[in-house]
Every structure is written in structure tokens, then in C-alpha cells.
Amino acid sequence: MRKTLRTMMLFGAATLLSAPALPAAAADLKVVASFSIIGDFAKNVGGDRIELTTLVGPDGDAHVYEPKPTDAVAMAGADVVLVNGLQFEGFLQRLVEASATKAAIVELTKGVETIKMAEGEHHDGEEPASVEDHHNHGDIDPHAFQSVPNAEIYVKNIADAFCAADASGCQTYQANAMAYTVKLKALDDEVKAAIASIPDDKRTIITSHDAFGYFDHQYGITFLAPEGISTAAEASAADVAALITQVREDKASAIFLENITNPRLIEQIAAETGLKVGGVLFSDALSSEGKAATYIDMMRSNVATIRGAILGS
């Protein structure tokens, strides 16, 4: 029996060695996206030519994310790493060093006209963040993706990065990017029309953290927030009291929760101002399912929630 098994194994090995080699399948471009919104952009541009890993998933908060060992493995094997930049991903540098990745790190905000964070963003009595503080964004608001025209710049940068890493697929990436950009331009028109239907004197609202500066700049809604640009910075009692006073003076129309922040603070402000919580806005992350599972759906959901809370429709 042993002799028979050995003969069969030798025969099988010889057969494999003599068989004609099959053509190697084209390897997918290995892409790492830092968080869910960028992951959605990457899917739309890369299609089935990429193998995508998204580090901070739906409903995840990139401001306070702590990388896992599997993230370092994904980074080490990546061809392209897509990030927001502008110090949005506080964990990024540590992860790059831990993974020793050789991948191109592509900052998608390249070419975006950045805006500074709102005056008073640094809370009174708070020490300036040191260079070691990975939640420090400096003076620049990193949430550029909250403007649809900026999202178009992200998409172009992704297509350029994929073309540089995979020249044979460049035409596909460019065609996908062009088709998706057409959808984004239609979305931009849709958002503008929806906001235009809200009276100017009702366009002041409250959210948890200051993530909507580019939305304000592009579409004309004023967002007040007790927390700063990063969810890692907690608002002090003085900050909350000042905001409540400002709300009463500015006659804010609505107050909203966010999908990535603790609702406690917003509920406190709602109780003290008499404002009704108007729903949930999606700021730095998509939803795992439902109405904000893609970037386009997220923007539509946010606008519908804002409009509905203010106008009651």
C-alpha cells in the first residue's frame, strides 16, 4: 500500500511539472483607504481592478482611531494608500512607520482650496497642542470632503494615483472617474437647490463637532459646534455656556446629533435652549447600511435632514 501511495504521489508531481503553465492572472491593485468616505471614492474609481482595504470603517471616528495589527499588515502589502491629509488621520504616521510600507501615500486634499478653522476654535485656557499631539490639526480645517466640488478633486487625485501605479488600467480608472464626477456635479446642483429653499434667517444650526466648515463655505449654512474640529477635544463648561448664549442670540433653527459622536452634549444643549433634536448628520463617516452607505447618499441624507428639521418637511 505504501509503495502504491508513493508511486501515485510521484506520478502526480511529474504530471504537474510536465503540464503547460497557465497564464498568470492580472494582479489586483492593492489599495488602502484611511476611512469610509475615501473608501467609497476608491471603489467608484477602481471598480473591480482594485483590492480595497478601508481602515476606519462606517460609523468609525478617524480622529480617535487606534490602528490594529491587521492594519499594519494591509499597509505593508499595499500598492497605494489613500488618505485625506491635512492632519485628519492622527494615527497615520505611526501606522506608516510600524508597517514599513513602500506604498505611495497619496493625500487627496492636494489641490483643494483649504479654509481655516473658525475663530475661537482653541478653547479658552487650553494649552496649545504640541507637535506630538496627533489630534492637532493646526489652523486648517481638514474636512474638505464636505464640499462636493472638493470631492471631485479627491476623485481626480485617486484616478491619477491609480494610473501611476497601474498604467495598464489607466483608461478604466479615468473613465470610471469621469462617470462618477458627472454624478457628483449633479449632486452639487441638487444640494444647492435644496439649501436655496431654506430662508436665509433660518440657516444657523448646531452640530456636535466642527466638521461642516466646507459645507458652510460652499452652500451657506452656518454650523455652530461645542467641540472643535477634532472629536478628541471635549468642550468645557464655559464653551457650552458660551454656545448656549450664542444660540439664543443667533436664533439657531435646529440642533443635530452626529453618527460618530456621543449624543450627551447635544441633548444637554437641546434641553437648555428648547431646540428639538432634528436627527442625525453624517460628518466624518458613512453609515454601515441604510441612507448614508455611500458618499452621494450621505450628502443627500444630510441635506434632507437639515431641510426637514428647519422647514418641517
C-alpha atoms as a PDB file:
ATOM      1  CA  MET A   1       0.000   0.000   0.000  1.00  0.00           C
ATOM      2  CA  ARG A   2       2.797   2.432   0.930  1.00  0.00           C
ATOM      3  CA  LYS A   3       4.558   1.690  -2.370  1.00  0.00           C
ATOM      4  CA  THR A   4       1.328   2.354  -4.275  1.00  0.00           C
ATOM      5  CA  LEU A   5       0.766   5.714  -2.499  1.00  0.00           C
ATOM      6  CA  ARG A   6       4.355   6.732  -3.143  1.00  0.00           C
ATOM      7  CA  THR A   7       4.023   5.855  -6.843  1.00  0.00           C
ATOM      8  CA  MET A   8       0.800   7.868  -7.101  1.00  0.00           C
ATOM      9  CA  MET A   9       2.420  10.929  -5.463  1.00  0.00           C
ATOM     10  CA  LEU A  10       5.414  10.737  -7.803  1.00  0.00           C
ATOM     11  CA  PHE A  11       3.150  10.368 -10.804  1.00  0.00           C
ATOM     12  CA  GLY A  12       1.043  13.344  -9.680  1.00  0.00           C
ATOM     13  CA  ALA A  13       4.121  15.506  -9.196  1.00  0.00           C
ATOM     14  CA  ALA A  14       5.506  14.543 -12.606  1.00  0.00           C
ATOM     15  CA  THR A  15       2.166  15.359 -14.212  1.00  0.00           C
ATOM     16  CA  LEU A  16       2.147  18.821 -12.610  1.00  0.00           C
ATOM     17  CA  LEU A  17       5.720  19.502 -13.704  1.00  0.00           C
ATOM     18  CA  SER A  18       5.021  18.469 -17.280  1.00  0.00           C
ATOM     19  CA  ALA A  19       1.712  20.321 -17.571  1.00  0.00           C
ATOM     20  CA  PRO A  20       1.789  23.582 -19.532  1.00  0.00           C
ATOM     21  CA  ALA A  21       1.925  26.650 -17.291  1.00  0.00           C
ATOM     22  CA  LEU A  22      -1.304  28.603 -17.050  1.00  0.00           C
ATOM     23  CA  PRO A  23      -1.092  32.339 -17.745  1.00  0.00           C
ATOM     24  CA  ALA A  24      -0.875  34.324 -14.532  1.00  0.00           C
ATOM     25  CA  ALA A  25      -3.993  36.299 -13.675  1.00  0.00           C
ATOM     26  CA  ALA A  26      -3.561  40.038 -13.599  1.00  0.00           C
ATOM     27  CA  ALA A  27      -2.948  41.048 -10.011  1.00  0.00           C
ATOM     28  CA  ASP A  28      -5.427  43.496  -8.487  1.00  0.00           C
ATOM     29  CA  LEU A  29      -4.064  46.846  -7.389  1.00  0.00           C
ATOM     30  CA  LYS A  30      -3.873  46.683  -3.596  1.00  0.00           C
ATOM     31  CA  VAL A  31      -5.343  49.876  -2.166  1.00  0.00           C
ATOM     32  CA  VAL A  32      -5.703  51.043   1.431  1.00  0.00           C
ATOM     33  CA  ALA A  33      -8.147  53.867   2.198  1.00  0.00           C
ATOM     34  CA  SER A  34      -7.866  55.605   5.541  1.00  0.00           C
ATOM     35  CA  PHE A  35     -11.623  55.916   6.236  1.00  0.00           C
ATOM     36  CA  SER A  36     -15.007  55.048   4.772  1.00  0.00           C
ATOM     37  CA  ILE A  37     -15.678  58.151   2.657  1.00  0.00           C
ATOM     38  CA  ILE A  38     -12.348  57.778   0.862  1.00  0.00           C
ATOM     39  CA  GLY A  39     -13.038  54.058   0.534  1.00  0.00           C
ATOM     40  CA  ASP A  40     -16.249  54.846  -1.336  1.00  0.00           C
ATOM     41  CA  PHE A  41     -14.422  57.204  -3.696  1.00  0.00           C
ATOM     42  CA  ALA A  42     -11.814  54.490  -4.328  1.00  0.00           C
ATOM     43  CA  LYS A  43     -14.491  51.903  -5.188  1.00  0.00           C
ATOM     44  CA  ASN A  44     -16.077  54.220  -7.726  1.00  0.00           C
ATOM     45  CA  VAL A  45     -12.751  54.900  -9.444  1.00  0.00           C
ATOM     46  CA  GLY A  46     -11.095  51.495  -9.099  1.00  0.00           C
ATOM     47  CA  GLY A  47     -14.052  49.213  -9.684  1.00  0.00           C
ATOM     48  CA  ASP A  48     -13.086  45.547  -9.866  1.00  0.00           C
ATOM     49  CA  ARG A  49      -9.444  46.315 -10.712  1.00  0.00           C
ATOM     50  CA  ILE A  50      -8.589  47.076  -7.087  1.00  0.00           C
ATOM     51  CA  GLU A  51      -8.423  45.094  -3.875  1.00  0.00           C
ATOM     52  CA  LEU A  52      -9.570  47.606  -1.257  1.00  0.00           C
ATOM     53  CA  THR A  53      -8.970  47.714   2.496  1.00  0.00           C
ATOM     54  CA  THR A  54     -10.592  50.530   4.492  1.00  0.00           C
ATOM     55  CA  LEU A  55      -9.011  51.153   7.883  1.00  0.00           C
ATOM     56  CA  VAL A  56     -11.674  53.199   9.701  1.00  0.00           C
ATOM     57  CA  GLY A  57     -14.970  51.689   8.672  1.00  0.00           C
ATOM     58  CA  PRO A  58     -18.550  53.015   8.587  1.00  0.00           C
ATOM     59  CA  ASP A  59     -19.634  54.932  11.713  1.00  0.00           C
ATOM     60  CA  GLY A  60     -15.969  54.964  12.810  1.00  0.00           C
ATOM     61  CA  ASP A  61     -14.183  58.066  14.077  1.00  0.00           C
ATOM     62  CA  ALA A  62     -10.819  58.645  12.397  1.00  0.00           C
ATOM     63  CA  HIS A  63      -9.952  61.355  14.934  1.00  0.00           C
ATOM     64  CA  VAL A  64      -9.568  58.849  17.776  1.00  0.00           C
ATOM     65  CA  TYR A  65      -8.920  55.629  15.862  1.00  0.00           C
ATOM     66  CA  GLU A  66      -6.251  53.274  17.191  1.00  0.00           C
ATOM     67  CA  PRO A  67      -4.725  51.046  14.472  1.00  0.00           C
ATOM     68  CA  LYS A  68      -4.825  47.268  14.740  1.00  0.00           C
ATOM     69  CA  PRO A  69      -2.062  44.797  13.774  1.00  0.00           C
ATOM     70  CA  THR A  70      -4.094  43.838  10.698  1.00  0.00           C
ATOM     71  CA  ASP A  71      -3.950  47.468   9.562  1.00  0.00           C
ATOM     72  CA  ALA A  72      -0.147  47.348   9.564  1.00  0.00           C
ATOM     73  CA  VAL A  73      -0.282  44.146   7.522  1.00  0.00           C
ATOM     74  CA  ALA A  74      -2.614  45.784   4.963  1.00  0.00           C
ATOM     75  CA  MET A  75      -0.384  48.848   4.761  1.00  0.00           C
ATOM     76  CA  ALA A  76       2.743  46.735   4.307  1.00  0.00           C
ATOM     77  CA  GLY A  77       1.217  44.946   1.323  1.00  0.00           C
ATOM     78  CA  ALA A  78      -0.402  47.980  -0.311  1.00  0.00           C
ATOM     79  CA  ASP A  79       0.485  49.492  -3.670  1.00  0.00           C
ATOM     80  CA  VAL A  80      -1.365  52.752  -2.951  1.00  0.00           C
ATOM     81  CA  VAL A  81      -2.512  54.307   0.337  1.00  0.00           C
ATOM     82  CA  LEU A  82      -5.227  56.964   0.033  1.00  0.00           C
ATOM     83  CA  VAL A  83      -5.518  59.489   2.861  1.00  0.00           C
ATOM     84  CA  ASN A  84      -7.265  62.784   3.443  1.00  0.00           C
ATOM     85  CA  GLY A  85      -4.197  64.644   4.650  1.00  0.00           C
ATOM     86  CA  LEU A  86      -4.279  67.997   6.496  1.00  0.00           C
ATOM     87  CA  GLN A  87      -3.562  66.011   9.677  1.00  0.00           C
ATOM     88  CA  PHE A  88      -7.049  64.454   9.612  1.00  0.00           C
ATOM     89  CA  GLU A  89      -5.739  60.938  10.288  1.00  0.00           C
ATOM     90  CA  GLY A  90      -3.867  61.359  13.559  1.00  0.00           C
ATOM     91  CA  PHE A  91      -2.844  57.708  13.545  1.00  0.00           C
ATOM     92  CA  LEU A  92      -1.301  57.733  10.079  1.00  0.00           C
ATOM     93  CA  GLN A  93       2.370  58.445  10.735  1.00  0.00           C
ATOM     94  CA  ARG A  94       2.610  55.807  13.458  1.00  0.00           C
ATOM     95  CA  LEU A  95       0.997  53.255  11.166  1.00  0.00           C
ATOM     96  CA  VAL A  96       3.287  54.088   8.235  1.00  0.00           C
ATOM     97  CA  GLU A  97       6.321  53.619  10.463  1.00  0.00           C
ATOM     98  CA  ALA A  98       5.026  50.402  12.056  1.00  0.00           C
ATOM     99  CA  SER A  99       4.184  48.831   8.694  1.00  0.00           C
ATOM    100  CA  ALA A 100       7.347  49.997   6.901  1.00  0.00           C
ATOM    101  CA  THR A 101       5.131  50.290   3.817  1.00  0.00           C
ATOM    102  CA  LYS A 102       6.709  51.109   0.470  1.00  0.00           C
ATOM    103  CA  ALA A 103       3.362  52.212  -0.979  1.00  0.00           C
ATOM    104  CA  ALA A 104       2.722  55.684  -2.321  1.00  0.00           C
ATOM    105  CA  ILE A 105       0.915  57.731   0.362  1.00  0.00           C
ATOM    106  CA  VAL A 106      -1.490  59.925  -1.606  1.00  0.00           C
ATOM    107  CA  GLU A 107      -3.021  62.974   0.108  1.00  0.00           C
ATOM    108  CA  LEU A 108      -6.327  63.552  -1.639  1.00  0.00           C
ATOM    109  CA  THR A 109      -6.693  67.156  -0.477  1.00  0.00           C
ATOM    110  CA  LYS A 110      -3.880  68.205  -2.828  1.00  0.00           C
ATOM    111  CA  GLY A 111      -5.316  70.987  -4.987  1.00  0.00           C
ATOM    112  CA  VAL A 112      -8.170  71.806  -2.595  1.00  0.00           C
ATOM    113  CA  GLU A 113      -8.592  75.438  -1.581  1.00  0.00           C
ATOM    114  CA  THR A 114      -8.410  74.971   2.174  1.00  0.00           C
ATOM    115  CA  ILE A 115     -10.173  77.081   4.783  1.00  0.00           C
ATOM    116  CA  LYS A 116      -9.100  77.967   8.282  1.00  0.00           C
ATOM    117  CA  MET A 117     -10.987  76.723  11.293  1.00  0.00           C
ATOM    118  CA  ALA A 118     -13.471  79.109  12.877  1.00  0.00           C
ATOM    119  CA  GLU A 119     -12.220  81.834  15.168  1.00  0.00           C
ATOM    120  CA  GLY A 120     -12.286  80.730  18.789  1.00  0.00           C
ATOM    121  CA  GLU A 121     -11.715  77.115  17.867  1.00  0.00           C
ATOM    122  CA  HIS A 122      -8.982  76.842  20.500  1.00  0.00           C
ATOM    123  CA  HIS A 123     -10.838  76.846  23.787  1.00  0.00           C
ATOM    124  CA  ASP A 124     -10.013  79.452  26.432  1.00  0.00           C
ATOM    125  CA  GLY A 125      -7.474  78.265  28.947  1.00  0.00           C
ATOM    126  CA  GLU A 126      -6.463  75.337  26.791  1.00  0.00           C
ATOM    127  CA  GLU A 127      -2.780  74.783  26.196  1.00  0.00           C
ATOM    128  CA  PRO A 128      -1.739  74.726  22.529  1.00  0.00           C
ATOM    129  CA  ALA A 129      -1.352  71.201  21.218  1.00  0.00           C
ATOM    130  CA  SER A 130       2.233  70.071  20.866  1.00  0.00           C
ATOM    131  CA  VAL A 131       3.694  68.570  17.733  1.00  0.00           C
ATOM    132  CA  GLU A 132       3.385  65.210  19.467  1.00  0.00           C
ATOM    133  CA  ASP A 133      -0.400  65.601  19.766  1.00  0.00           C
ATOM    134  CA  HIS A 134      -1.719  63.551  16.861  1.00  0.00           C
ATOM    135  CA  HIS A 135      -5.145  65.187  17.106  1.00  0.00           C
ATOM    136  CA  ASN A 136      -3.759  68.664  16.392  1.00  0.00           C
ATOM    137  CA  HIS A 137      -4.975  69.986  13.036  1.00  0.00           C
ATOM    138  CA  GLY A 138      -3.222  73.341  13.241  1.00  0.00           C
ATOM    139  CA  ASP A 139      -5.242  76.211  11.764  1.00  0.00           C
ATOM    140  CA  ILE A 140      -6.599  74.337   8.734  1.00  0.00           C
ATOM    141  CA  ASP A 141      -9.966  72.590   8.643  1.00  0.00           C
ATOM    142  CA  PRO A 142      -9.308  69.091   7.230  1.00  0.00           C
ATOM    143  CA  HIS A 143     -12.948  68.159   6.431  1.00  0.00           C
ATOM    144  CA  ALA A 144     -12.701  69.253   2.790  1.00  0.00           C
ATOM    145  CA  PHE A 145     -14.868  66.347   1.569  1.00  0.00           C
ATOM    146  CA  GLN A 146     -17.981  68.103   2.949  1.00  0.00           C
ATOM    147  CA  SER A 147     -17.981  70.204  -0.241  1.00  0.00           C
ATOM    148  CA  VAL A 148     -18.988  68.245  -3.338  1.00  0.00           C
ATOM    149  CA  PRO A 149     -16.643  70.190  -5.675  1.00  0.00           C
ATOM    150  CA  ASN A 150     -13.813  69.192  -3.342  1.00  0.00           C
ATOM    151  CA  ALA A 151     -14.941  65.574  -3.611  1.00  0.00           C
ATOM    152  CA  GLU A 152     -14.395  65.920  -7.366  1.00  0.00           C
ATOM    153  CA  ILE A 153     -10.769  66.879  -6.648  1.00  0.00           C
ATOM    154  CA  TYR A 154     -10.379  63.815  -4.410  1.00  0.00           C
ATOM    155  CA  VAL A 155     -11.660  61.621  -7.253  1.00  0.00           C
ATOM    156  CA  LYS A 156      -9.242  63.122  -9.792  1.00  0.00           C
ATOM    157  CA  ASN A 157      -6.348  62.586  -7.390  1.00  0.00           C
ATOM    158  CA  ILE A 158      -7.385  58.961  -6.905  1.00  0.00           C
ATOM    159  CA  ALA A 159      -7.533  58.348 -10.666  1.00  0.00           C
ATOM    160  CA  ASP A 160      -4.078  59.906 -11.085  1.00  0.00           C
ATOM    161  CA  ALA A 161      -2.671  57.745  -8.281  1.00  0.00           C
ATOM    162  CA  PHE A 162      -4.156  54.558  -9.727  1.00  0.00           C
ATOM    163  CA  CYS A 163      -2.842  55.396 -13.201  1.00  0.00           C
ATOM    164  CA  ALA A 164       0.647  55.948 -11.785  1.00  0.00           C
ATOM    165  CA  ALA A 165       0.559  52.578 -10.009  1.00  0.00           C
ATOM    166  CA  ASP A 166      -1.210  50.581 -12.741  1.00  0.00           C
ATOM    167  CA  ALA A 167      -0.666  52.092 -16.193  1.00  0.00           C
ATOM    168  CA  SER A 168      -2.459  49.224 -17.955  1.00  0.00           C
ATOM    169  CA  GLY A 169      -5.687  50.119 -16.170  1.00  0.00           C
ATOM    170  CA  CYS A 170      -5.433  53.874 -16.616  1.00  0.00           C
ATOM    171  CA  GLN A 171      -8.149  54.198 -19.235  1.00  0.00           C
ATOM    172  CA  THR A 172     -10.543  52.282 -16.974  1.00  0.00           C
ATOM    173  CA  TYR A 173      -9.733  54.446 -13.959  1.00  0.00           C
ATOM    174  CA  GLN A 174     -10.152  57.642 -15.946  1.00  0.00           C
ATOM    175  CA  ALA A 175     -13.462  56.514 -17.440  1.00  0.00           C
ATOM    176  CA  ASN A 176     -14.779  55.485 -14.016  1.00  0.00           C
ATOM    177  CA  ALA A 177     -13.656  58.797 -12.509  1.00  0.00           C
ATOM    178  CA  MET A 178     -15.338  60.747 -15.299  1.00  0.00           C
ATOM    179  CA  ALA A 179     -18.626  58.863 -14.900  1.00  0.00           C
ATOM    180  CA  TYR A 180     -18.591  59.344 -11.134  1.00  0.00           C
ATOM    181  CA  THR A 181     -17.734  63.040 -11.478  1.00  0.00           C
ATOM    182  CA  VAL A 182     -20.847  63.521 -13.621  1.00  0.00           C
ATOM    183  CA  LYS A 183     -22.869  62.138 -10.699  1.00  0.00           C
ATOM    184  CA  LEU A 184     -21.067  64.435  -8.266  1.00  0.00           C
ATOM    185  CA  LYS A 185     -21.791  67.512 -10.373  1.00  0.00           C
ATOM    186  CA  ALA A 186     -25.482  66.575 -10.405  1.00  0.00           C
ATOM    187  CA  LEU A 187     -25.315  66.094  -6.626  1.00  0.00           C
ATOM    188  CA  ASP A 188     -23.789  69.556  -6.179  1.00  0.00           C
ATOM    189  CA  ASP A 189     -26.681  71.115  -8.116  1.00  0.00           C
ATOM    190  CA  GLU A 190     -29.138  69.096  -6.025  1.00  0.00           C
ATOM    191  CA  VAL A 191     -27.617  70.299  -2.730  1.00  0.00           C
ATOM    192  CA  LYS A 192     -27.590  73.927  -3.875  1.00  0.00           C
ATOM    193  CA  ALA A 193     -31.261  73.752  -4.874  1.00  0.00           C
ATOM    194  CA  ALA A 194     -32.270  72.197  -1.539  1.00  0.00           C
ATOM    195  CA  ILE A 195     -30.395  74.788   0.533  1.00  0.00           C
ATOM    196  CA  ALA A 196     -31.783  77.633  -1.614  1.00  0.00           C
ATOM    197  CA  SER A 197     -35.264  76.636  -0.444  1.00  0.00           C
ATOM    198  CA  ILE A 198     -34.335  77.424   3.188  1.00  0.00           C
ATOM    199  CA  PRO A 199     -34.829  81.105   4.193  1.00  0.00           C
ATOM    200  CA  ASP A 200     -31.579  82.937   4.948  1.00  0.00           C
ATOM    201  CA  ASP A 201     -32.626  83.718   8.532  1.00  0.00           C
ATOM    202  CA  LYS A 202     -33.109  80.020   9.305  1.00  0.00           C
ATOM    203  CA  ARG A 203     -29.703  78.802   8.176  1.00  0.00           C
ATOM    204  CA  THR A 204     -27.972  78.598  11.572  1.00  0.00           C
ATOM    205  CA  ILE A 205     -27.843  75.128  13.126  1.00  0.00           C
ATOM    206  CA  ILE A 206     -25.881  73.222  15.783  1.00  0.00           C
ATOM    207  CA  THR A 207     -23.844  70.013  15.498  1.00  0.00           C
ATOM    208  CA  SER A 208     -21.512  68.159  17.863  1.00  0.00           C
ATOM    209  CA  HIS A 209     -18.090  68.962  16.396  1.00  0.00           C
ATOM    210  CA  ASP A 210     -16.888  71.443  13.812  1.00  0.00           C
ATOM    211  CA  ALA A 211     -16.901  69.195  10.740  1.00  0.00           C
ATOM    212  CA  PHE A 212     -19.028  71.205   8.325  1.00  0.00           C
ATOM    213  CA  GLY A 213     -16.948  74.310   7.581  1.00  0.00           C
ATOM    214  CA  TYR A 214     -16.588  73.444   3.890  1.00  0.00           C
ATOM    215  CA  PHE A 215     -20.317  72.723   3.633  1.00  0.00           C
ATOM    216  CA  ASP A 216     -20.950  76.164   5.154  1.00  0.00           C
ATOM    217  CA  HIS A 217     -18.452  77.778   2.750  1.00  0.00           C
ATOM    218  CA  GLN A 218     -19.925  76.066  -0.316  1.00  0.00           C
ATOM    219  CA  TYR A 219     -23.649  76.095   0.432  1.00  0.00           C
ATOM    220  CA  GLY A 220     -24.362  78.826   3.014  1.00  0.00           C
ATOM    221  CA  ILE A 221     -25.435  77.007   6.177  1.00  0.00           C
ATOM    222  CA  THR A 222     -23.872  78.257   9.444  1.00  0.00           C
ATOM    223  CA  PHE A 223     -22.873  75.453  11.806  1.00  0.00           C
ATOM    224  CA  LEU A 224     -22.201  76.097  15.496  1.00  0.00           C
ATOM    225  CA  ALA A 225     -20.386  73.376  17.451  1.00  0.00           C
ATOM    226  CA  PRO A 226     -19.416  72.961  21.116  1.00  0.00           C
ATOM    227  CA  GLU A 227     -16.464  70.752  20.221  1.00  0.00           C
ATOM    228  CA  GLY A 228     -13.624  71.671  17.898  1.00  0.00           C
ATOM    229  CA  ILE A 229     -12.543  70.203  14.600  1.00  0.00           C
ATOM    230  CA  SER A 230     -11.407  67.020  16.363  1.00  0.00           C
ATOM    231  CA  THR A 231     -13.798  64.886  18.400  1.00  0.00           C
ATOM    232  CA  ALA A 232     -10.848  64.174  20.708  1.00  0.00           C
ATOM    233  CA  ALA A 233     -11.188  67.632  22.287  1.00  0.00           C
ATOM    234  CA  GLU A 234     -14.002  67.823  24.830  1.00  0.00           C
ATOM    235  CA  ALA A 235     -15.901  71.076  25.275  1.00  0.00           C
ATOM    236  CA  SER A 236     -15.538  72.791  28.651  1.00  0.00           C
ATOM    237  CA  ALA A 237     -18.465  74.065  30.710  1.00  0.00           C
ATOM    238  CA  ALA A 238     -17.523  77.607  29.642  1.00  0.00           C
ATOM    239  CA  ASP A 239     -17.591  76.575  25.968  1.00  0.00           C
ATOM    240  CA  VAL A 240     -21.051  75.068  26.346  1.00  0.00           C
ATOM    241  CA  ALA A 241     -22.371  78.113  28.232  1.00  0.00           C
ATOM    242  CA  ALA A 242     -20.986  80.444  25.555  1.00  0.00           C
ATOM    243  CA  LEU A 243     -22.580  78.370  22.811  1.00  0.00           C
ATOM    244  CA  ILE A 244     -25.967  78.392  24.556  1.00  0.00           C
ATOM    245  CA  THR A 245     -25.768  82.185  24.763  1.00  0.00           C
ATOM    246  CA  GLN A 246     -24.810  82.364  21.079  1.00  0.00           C
ATOM    247  CA  VAL A 247     -27.672  80.065  20.131  1.00  0.00           C
ATOM    248  CA  ARG A 248     -30.151  82.328  21.874  1.00  0.00           C
ATOM    249  CA  GLU A 249     -28.695  85.440  20.253  1.00  0.00           C
ATOM    250  CA  ASP A 250     -28.421  83.938  16.744  1.00  0.00           C
ATOM    251  CA  LYS A 251     -31.745  82.107  16.993  1.00  0.00           C
ATOM    252  CA  ALA A 252     -30.475  78.751  15.742  1.00  0.00           C
ATOM    253  CA  SER A 253     -33.144  76.831  13.861  1.00  0.00           C
ATOM    254  CA  ALA A 254     -32.209  73.248  14.721  1.00  0.00           C
ATOM    255  CA  ILE A 255     -29.755  71.017  16.542  1.00  0.00           C
ATOM    256  CA  PHE A 256     -28.387  67.692  15.299  1.00  0.00           C
ATOM    257  CA  LEU A 257     -26.600  64.604  16.531  1.00  0.00           C
ATOM    258  CA  GLU A 258     -23.708  63.071  14.559  1.00  0.00           C
ATOM    259  CA  ASN A 259     -23.173  59.430  13.767  1.00  0.00           C
ATOM    260  CA  ILE A 260     -19.657  59.429  15.264  1.00  0.00           C
ATOM    261  CA  THR A 261     -20.123  61.434  18.482  1.00  0.00           C
ATOM    262  CA  ASN A 262     -21.652  60.938  21.917  1.00  0.00           C
ATOM    263  CA  PRO A 263     -25.187  62.420  21.963  1.00  0.00           C
ATOM    264  CA  ARG A 264     -24.984  63.558  25.607  1.00  0.00           C
ATOM    265  CA  LEU A 265     -23.679  67.071  24.953  1.00  0.00           C
ATOM    266  CA  ILE A 266     -26.129  67.847  22.158  1.00  0.00           C
ATOM    267  CA  GLU A 267     -29.015  66.572  24.279  1.00  0.00           C
ATOM    268  CA  GLN A 268     -27.892  68.892  27.116  1.00  0.00           C
ATOM    269  CA  ILE A 269     -27.799  71.920  24.804  1.00  0.00           C
ATOM    270  CA  ALA A 270     -31.175  70.991  23.317  1.00  0.00           C
ATOM    271  CA  ALA A 271     -32.705  70.805  26.789  1.00  0.00           C
ATOM    272  CA  GLU A 272     -31.286  74.202  27.824  1.00  0.00           C
ATOM    273  CA  THR A 273     -32.231  76.043  24.623  1.00  0.00           C
ATOM    274  CA  GLY A 274     -35.554  74.388  23.927  1.00  0.00           C
ATOM    275  CA  LEU A 275     -34.424  73.274  20.478  1.00  0.00           C
ATOM    276  CA  LYS A 276     -35.683  69.930  19.263  1.00  0.00           C
ATOM    277  CA  VAL A 277     -33.069  67.448  18.045  1.00  0.00           C
ATOM    278  CA  GLY A 278     -33.616  67.345  14.299  1.00  0.00           C
ATOM    279  CA  GLY A 279     -31.981  63.999  13.572  1.00  0.00           C
ATOM    280  CA  VAL A 280     -28.545  62.583  12.786  1.00  0.00           C
ATOM    281  CA  LEU A 281     -25.996  64.111  10.408  1.00  0.00           C
ATOM    282  CA  PHE A 282     -23.139  62.110   8.920  1.00  0.00           C
ATOM    283  CA  SER A 283     -19.890  64.033   9.256  1.00  0.00           C
ATOM    284  CA  ASP A 284     -16.668  62.008   9.054  1.00  0.00           C
ATOM    285  CA  ALA A 285     -18.008  58.546   8.244  1.00  0.00           C
ATOM    286  CA  LEU A 286     -20.586  56.750   6.160  1.00  0.00           C
ATOM    287  CA  SER A 287     -23.201  54.510   7.760  1.00  0.00           C
ATOM    288  CA  SER A 288     -22.775  50.749   7.782  1.00  0.00           C
ATOM    289  CA  GLU A 289     -26.053  50.426   5.924  1.00  0.00           C
ATOM    290  CA  GLY A 290     -29.137  52.415   5.051  1.00  0.00           C
ATOM    291  CA  LYS A 291     -29.391  56.038   3.984  1.00  0.00           C
ATOM    292  CA  ALA A 292     -25.711  57.058   4.141  1.00  0.00           C
ATOM    293  CA  ALA A 293     -23.875  53.974   2.914  1.00  0.00           C
ATOM    294  CA  THR A 294     -22.247  55.939   0.049  1.00  0.00           C
ATOM    295  CA  TYR A 295     -20.908  59.490  -0.208  1.00  0.00           C
ATOM    296  CA  ILE A 296     -23.729  60.573  -2.521  1.00  0.00           C
ATOM    297  CA  ASP A 297     -26.324  59.060  -0.204  1.00  0.00           C
ATOM    298  CA  MET A 298     -24.619  60.711   2.796  1.00  0.00           C
ATOM    299  CA  MET A 299     -24.813  64.191   1.287  1.00  0.00           C
ATOM    300  CA  ARG A 300     -28.428  63.691   0.237  1.00  0.00           C
ATOM    301  CA  SER A 301     -29.323  62.411   3.701  1.00  0.00           C
ATOM    302  CA  ASN A 302     -27.660  65.359   5.442  1.00  0.00           C
ATOM    303  CA  VAL A 303     -29.412  67.910   3.258  1.00  0.00           C
ATOM    304  CA  ALA A 304     -32.789  66.217   3.637  1.00  0.00           C
ATOM    305  CA  THR A 305     -32.339  66.033   7.426  1.00  0.00           C
ATOM    306  CA  ILE A 306     -31.335  69.700   7.692  1.00  0.00           C
ATOM    307  CA  ARG A 307     -34.126  70.892   5.410  1.00  0.00           C
ATOM    308  CA  GLY A 308     -36.717  68.694   7.090  1.00  0.00           C
ATOM    309  CA  ALA A 309     -35.825  69.850  10.605  1.00  0.00           C
ATOM    310  CA  ILE A 310     -35.894  73.545   9.655  1.00  0.00           C
ATOM    311  CA  LEU A 311     -38.901  73.586   7.344  1.00  0.00           C
ATOM    312  CA  GLY A 312     -40.811  70.679   8.824  1.00  0.00           C
ATOM    313  CA  SER A 313     -40.966  68.844   5.510  1.00  0.00           C
END
